Amino acid sequence: MTMQPFQRVSTARVSEAIVEQIRQAIIDGQFQPGDRLPSQRDLAKTFGVGRSALLEAIRILEQSGLLTIRTGGSGGAFVTAPSIRQVSDSLDLLFRREGATREELSEFRIVLESYCCKMAAEKASDEELANIEKQFQELKALADKGSAYWQTFLTREIEFHFLVANLSHNRVSMAVLHSLATWLHSFSSQMPELYKERMLKDWEAIVTALRNRDGENAQHLLSEHIYFFNLMHTTSE
């Protein structure tokens, strides 16, 4: 592996300069997922830094999900393939740090999630839509089991949101939506059972719109669904 992507660093915050150079080399494609970076000795020599600064930079890159560290004779620092989970975890941390409210979350979901539903009607294959109908029938069957299964039903209902959104086949949207999963499960778990019939009625209409490839109606129906249950959750507190 050539050392050309990297240059000596001389800033006061040495480890950050190293992180930026390695990150940029990965973004530029000079290192592909699975590639091993040069040895620590070679990297330290190329950057003109001490071992402690280099180790700190590698630690930061590992925590951010860009590198995986393997031990042993064939070990080293390896470039990690990007994943939705990495993006979602970073966004989740950002949202929590900023202290976003449930109302802000609802407004955001109405925009993004309902649009994903519209795209699902246009992009999903017939097989995928048939599977969504099957999943909905399983959700209805779970609802019929009664109050003892209410929390399980709520968990599956949130998962159904993601199943529908996945049919948009937009990885960026899915990364953002999955970053909200913890919050959605937290809010949903407090929903009283009296809204079960409304949930099922809404989803039956949405699934029908998807089956008919009616993206505009599917988008509208899901927007109303999210708005209604956010409003009901707020007023019930």
Protein backbone atom coordinates (compact mmCIF):
# COMPACT_ATOMS: atom_id res chain seq x y z
CA MET A 1 0.00 0.00 0.00
CA THR A 2 1.45 3.37 -1.04
CA MET A 3 2.10 6.03 1.58
CA GLN A 4 1.25 8.88 -0.81
CA PRO A 5 -2.11 9.78 0.81
CA PHE A 6 -0.40 11.00 3.99
CA GLN A 7 1.86 13.94 4.86
CA ARG A 8 3.77 15.01 7.94
CA VAL A 9 1.65 16.87 10.48
CA SER A 10 2.79 19.82 12.54
CA THR A 11 -0.32 21.22 14.20
CA ALA A 12 -0.78 21.58 17.93
CA ARG A 13 -3.63 19.03 17.87
CA VAL A 14 -1.63 16.29 16.20
CA SER A 15 -4.06 13.40 16.64
CA GLU A 16 -6.91 15.35 15.01
CA ALA A 17 -4.72 16.13 12.00
CA ILE A 18 -3.92 12.43 11.63
CA VAL A 19 -7.61 11.50 11.93
CA GLU A 20 -8.53 13.98 9.21
CA GLN A 21 -5.88 12.71 6.78
CA ILE A 22 -6.82 9.05 7.24
CA ARG A 23 -10.53 9.83 7.03
CA GLN A 24 -10.03 11.80 3.82
CA ALA A 25 -7.94 9.00 2.30
CA ILE A 26 -10.80 6.58 3.00
CA ILE A 27 -13.39 8.98 1.56
CA ASP A 28 -11.25 9.48 -1.56
CA GLY A 29 -11.13 5.73 -2.07
CA GLN A 30 -7.40 5.33 -1.54
CA PHE A 31 -8.25 2.74 1.09
CA GLN A 32 -11.15 0.37 0.46
CA PRO A 33 -13.20 -1.57 3.03
CA GLY A 34 -11.07 -4.47 4.22
CA ASP A 35 -7.75 -2.78 3.41
CA ARG A 36 -5.15 -2.73 6.16
CA LEU A 37 -3.45 0.55 6.95
CA PRO A 38 0.35 0.66 7.05
CA SER A 39 1.95 -0.46 10.31
CA GLN A 40 2.00 1.89 13.28
CA ARG A 41 5.74 2.30 12.85
CA ASP A 42 5.36 3.30 9.20
CA LEU A 43 2.46 5.62 9.94
CA ALA A 44 4.31 7.35 12.78
CA LYS A 45 7.32 7.87 10.52
CA THR A 46 5.19 9.20 7.64
CA PHE A 47 3.25 11.61 9.83
CA GLY A 48 6.35 12.56 11.81
CA VAL A 49 4.64 11.97 15.15
CA GLY A 50 5.11 9.94 18.31
CA ARG A 51 3.35 6.66 18.99
CA SER A 52 0.96 8.12 21.57
CA ALA A 53 -0.49 10.67 19.11
CA LEU A 54 -0.91 7.97 16.47
CA LEU A 55 -2.62 5.58 18.87
CA GLU A 56 -5.03 8.32 19.93
CA ALA A 57 -5.94 8.98 16.29
CA ILE A 58 -6.48 5.28 15.62
CA ARG A 59 -8.66 5.02 18.73
CA ILE A 60 -10.83 7.93 17.51
CA LEU A 61 -11.19 6.33 14.07
CA GLU A 62 -12.10 3.00 15.63
CA GLN A 63 -14.77 4.58 17.84
CA SER A 64 -16.24 6.39 14.84
CA GLY A 65 -16.57 3.08 13.02
CA LEU A 66 -14.06 3.80 10.26
CA LEU A 67 -11.44 1.31 11.46
CA THR A 68 -11.48 -2.14 13.03
CA ILE A 69 -8.47 -3.23 15.08
CA ARG A 70 -7.40 -6.87 14.85
CA THR A 71 -4.70 -8.48 16.94
CA GLY A 72 -2.25 -11.25 16.13
CA GLY A 73 0.29 -11.84 13.41
CA SER A 74 -2.11 -10.82 10.64
CA GLY A 75 -3.66 -8.02 12.68
CA GLY A 76 -3.57 -4.27 12.32
CA ALA A 77 -5.94 -1.40 11.57
CA PHE A 78 -8.45 -2.32 8.85
CA VAL A 79 -10.88 -0.04 7.03
CA THR A 80 -14.48 -0.86 7.94
CA ALA A 81 -17.28 -1.02 5.40
CA PRO A 82 -19.78 1.81 6.04
CA SER A 83 -23.15 0.80 7.45
CA ILE A 84 -26.50 2.33 8.28
CA ARG A 85 -25.90 1.43 11.94
CA GLN A 86 -22.86 3.72 12.14
CA VAL A 87 -24.78 6.68 10.74
CA SER A 88 -27.81 5.95 12.91
CA ASP A 89 -25.76 5.77 16.10
CA SER A 90 -24.11 9.11 15.34
CA LEU A 91 -27.45 10.79 14.61
CA ASP A 92 -29.01 9.30 17.74
CA LEU A 93 -26.20 10.80 19.83
CA LEU A 94 -26.66 14.17 18.12
CA PHE A 95 -30.43 14.25 18.66
CA ARG A 96 -30.09 13.31 22.32
CA ARG A 97 -27.39 15.90 22.91
CA GLU A 98 -29.55 18.60 21.33
CA GLY A 99 -32.52 17.57 23.47
CA ALA A 100 -35.08 17.29 20.67
CA THR A 101 -38.71 17.12 21.83
CA ARG A 102 -41.36 14.57 20.87
CA GLU A 103 -43.19 17.28 18.93
CA GLU A 104 -40.06 18.00 16.89
CA LEU A 105 -39.62 14.29 16.31
CA SER A 106 -43.20 14.01 15.08
CA GLU A 107 -42.82 16.96 12.70
CA PHE A 108 -39.67 15.44 11.27
CA ARG A 109 -41.25 12.01 10.84
CA ILE A 110 -44.25 13.47 9.03
CA VAL A 111 -41.89 14.94 6.46
CA LEU A 112 -39.43 12.07 6.04
CA GLU A 113 -41.31 8.89 6.93
CA SER A 114 -44.46 9.76 5.02
CA TYR A 115 -42.39 10.61 1.94
CA CYS A 116 -40.65 7.24 2.25
CA CYS A 117 -44.13 5.71 2.24
CA LYS A 118 -44.90 7.53 -1.01
CA MET A 119 -41.65 6.24 -2.53
CA ALA A 120 -42.49 2.73 -1.32
CA ALA A 121 -45.67 2.76 -3.41
CA GLU A 122 -43.57 3.65 -6.45
CA LYS A 123 -40.41 1.59 -5.90
CA ALA A 124 -41.39 -1.58 -4.04
CA SER A 125 -41.63 -4.80 -6.00
CA ASP A 126 -44.85 -6.80 -6.11
CA GLU A 127 -43.16 -9.40 -3.93
CA GLU A 128 -42.21 -6.79 -1.33
CA LEU A 129 -45.75 -5.41 -1.21
CA ALA A 130 -47.13 -8.93 -0.84
CA ASN A 131 -44.79 -9.41 2.13
CA ILE A 132 -46.00 -6.14 3.70
CA GLU A 133 -49.57 -7.39 3.46
CA LYS A 134 -48.48 -10.64 5.12
CA GLN A 135 -46.72 -8.72 7.90
CA PHE A 136 -49.84 -6.63 8.44
CA GLN A 137 -52.00 -9.73 8.80
CA GLU A 138 -49.55 -11.00 11.43
CA LEU A 139 -49.84 -7.65 13.23
CA LYS A 140 -53.63 -8.00 13.26
CA ALA A 141 -53.36 -11.54 14.59
CA LEU A 142 -51.14 -10.30 17.41
CA ALA A 143 -53.69 -7.61 18.27
CA ASP A 144 -56.36 -10.31 18.58
CA LYS A 145 -54.40 -12.04 21.37
CA GLY A 146 -55.55 -9.42 23.87
CA SER A 147 -54.12 -7.15 26.52
CA ALA A 148 -51.37 -9.53 27.63
CA TYR A 149 -49.71 -8.94 24.25
CA TRP A 150 -50.24 -5.17 24.08
CA GLN A 151 -46.60 -4.17 24.61
CA THR A 152 -45.49 -6.80 22.10
CA PHE A 153 -48.02 -5.39 19.65
CA LEU A 154 -46.66 -1.85 20.13
CA THR A 155 -43.11 -3.05 19.48
CA ARG A 156 -44.19 -4.80 16.29
CA GLU A 157 -46.21 -1.76 15.20
CA ILE A 158 -43.09 0.43 15.35
CA GLU A 159 -41.16 -2.23 13.45
CA PHE A 160 -43.90 -2.14 10.82
CA HIS A 161 -43.16 1.56 10.30
CA PHE A 162 -39.60 0.62 9.41
CA LEU A 163 -40.69 -2.25 7.17
CA VAL A 164 -42.77 0.16 5.10
CA ALA A 165 -40.05 2.82 5.01
CA ASN A 166 -37.51 0.23 3.89
CA LEU A 167 -39.48 -0.19 0.69
CA SER A 168 -38.41 3.31 -0.35
CA HIS A 169 -34.98 1.79 -1.08
CA ASN A 170 -33.29 4.99 0.10
CA ARG A 171 -30.37 4.20 2.38
CA VAL A 172 -29.91 7.77 3.57
CA SER A 173 -33.52 8.05 4.71
CA MET A 174 -33.33 4.69 6.43
CA ALA A 175 -30.14 5.66 8.30
CA VAL A 176 -31.89 8.74 9.66
CA LEU A 177 -35.10 6.92 10.56
CA HIS A 178 -33.27 4.09 12.33
CA SER A 179 -31.49 6.68 14.47
CA LEU A 180 -34.92 7.47 15.95
CA ALA A 181 -35.73 3.85 16.82
CA THR A 182 -34.96 4.11 20.54
CA TRP A 183 -37.14 7.20 20.94
CA LEU A 184 -40.00 5.71 18.95
CA HIS A 185 -40.05 2.55 21.05
CA SER A 186 -39.93 4.66 24.21
CA PHE A 187 -42.87 6.85 23.20
CA SER A 188 -44.89 3.99 21.73
CA SER A 189 -44.61 1.83 24.86
CA GLN A 190 -46.72 4.38 26.76
CA MET A 191 -49.64 4.37 24.31
CA PRO A 192 -52.91 3.10 25.91
CA GLU A 193 -54.59 0.06 24.40
CA LEU A 194 -57.77 1.94 23.58
CA TYR A 195 -56.07 3.18 20.39
CA LYS A 196 -55.47 -0.30 19.00
CA GLU A 197 -58.39 -0.25 16.59
CA ARG A 198 -57.38 3.15 15.24
CA MET A 199 -53.83 1.88 14.64
CA LEU A 200 -55.06 -1.13 12.71
CA LYS A 201 -57.57 0.91 10.71
CA ASP A 202 -54.87 3.39 9.71
CA TRP A 203 -52.44 0.68 8.65
CA GLU A 204 -55.06 -1.21 6.69
CA ALA A 205 -55.75 1.93 4.66
CA ILE A 206 -52.02 2.58 4.16
CA VAL A 207 -51.35 -1.00 3.04
CA THR A 208 -54.26 -0.78 0.61
CA ALA A 209 -52.85 2.46 -0.84
CA LEU A 210 -49.46 0.79 -1.24
CA ARG A 211 -51.02 -2.21 -2.98
CA ASN A 212 -52.81 0.18 -5.37
CA ARG A 213 -49.53 2.05 -6.02
CA ASP A 214 -51.25 5.22 -4.78
CA GLY A 215 -48.22 7.03 -3.38
CA GLU A 216 -49.93 10.36 -2.74
CA ASN A 217 -52.67 8.74 -0.66
CA ALA A 218 -50.21 6.53 1.20
CA GLN A 219 -48.15 9.60 2.08
CA HIS A 220 -51.22 11.49 3.29
CA LEU A 221 -52.52 8.58 5.36
CA LEU A 222 -49.23 8.00 7.14
CA SER A 223 -48.87 11.74 7.83
CA GLU A 224 -52.29 11.72 9.47
CA HIS A 225 -51.40 8.59 11.43
CA ILE A 226 -48.20 10.09 12.86
CA TYR A 227 -49.90 13.41 13.64
CA PHE A 228 -52.86 11.79 15.36
CA PHE A 229 -50.86 9.52 17.64
CA ASN A 230 -48.43 12.25 18.58
CA LEU A 231 -51.40 14.47 19.50
CA MET A 232 -53.10 11.70 21.47
CA HIS A 233 -49.90 10.88 23.31
CA THR A 234 -49.40 14.55 24.23
CA THR A 235 -52.96 15.08 25.49
CA SER A 236 -52.93 11.85 27.52
CA GLU A 237 -49.99 13.01 29.64
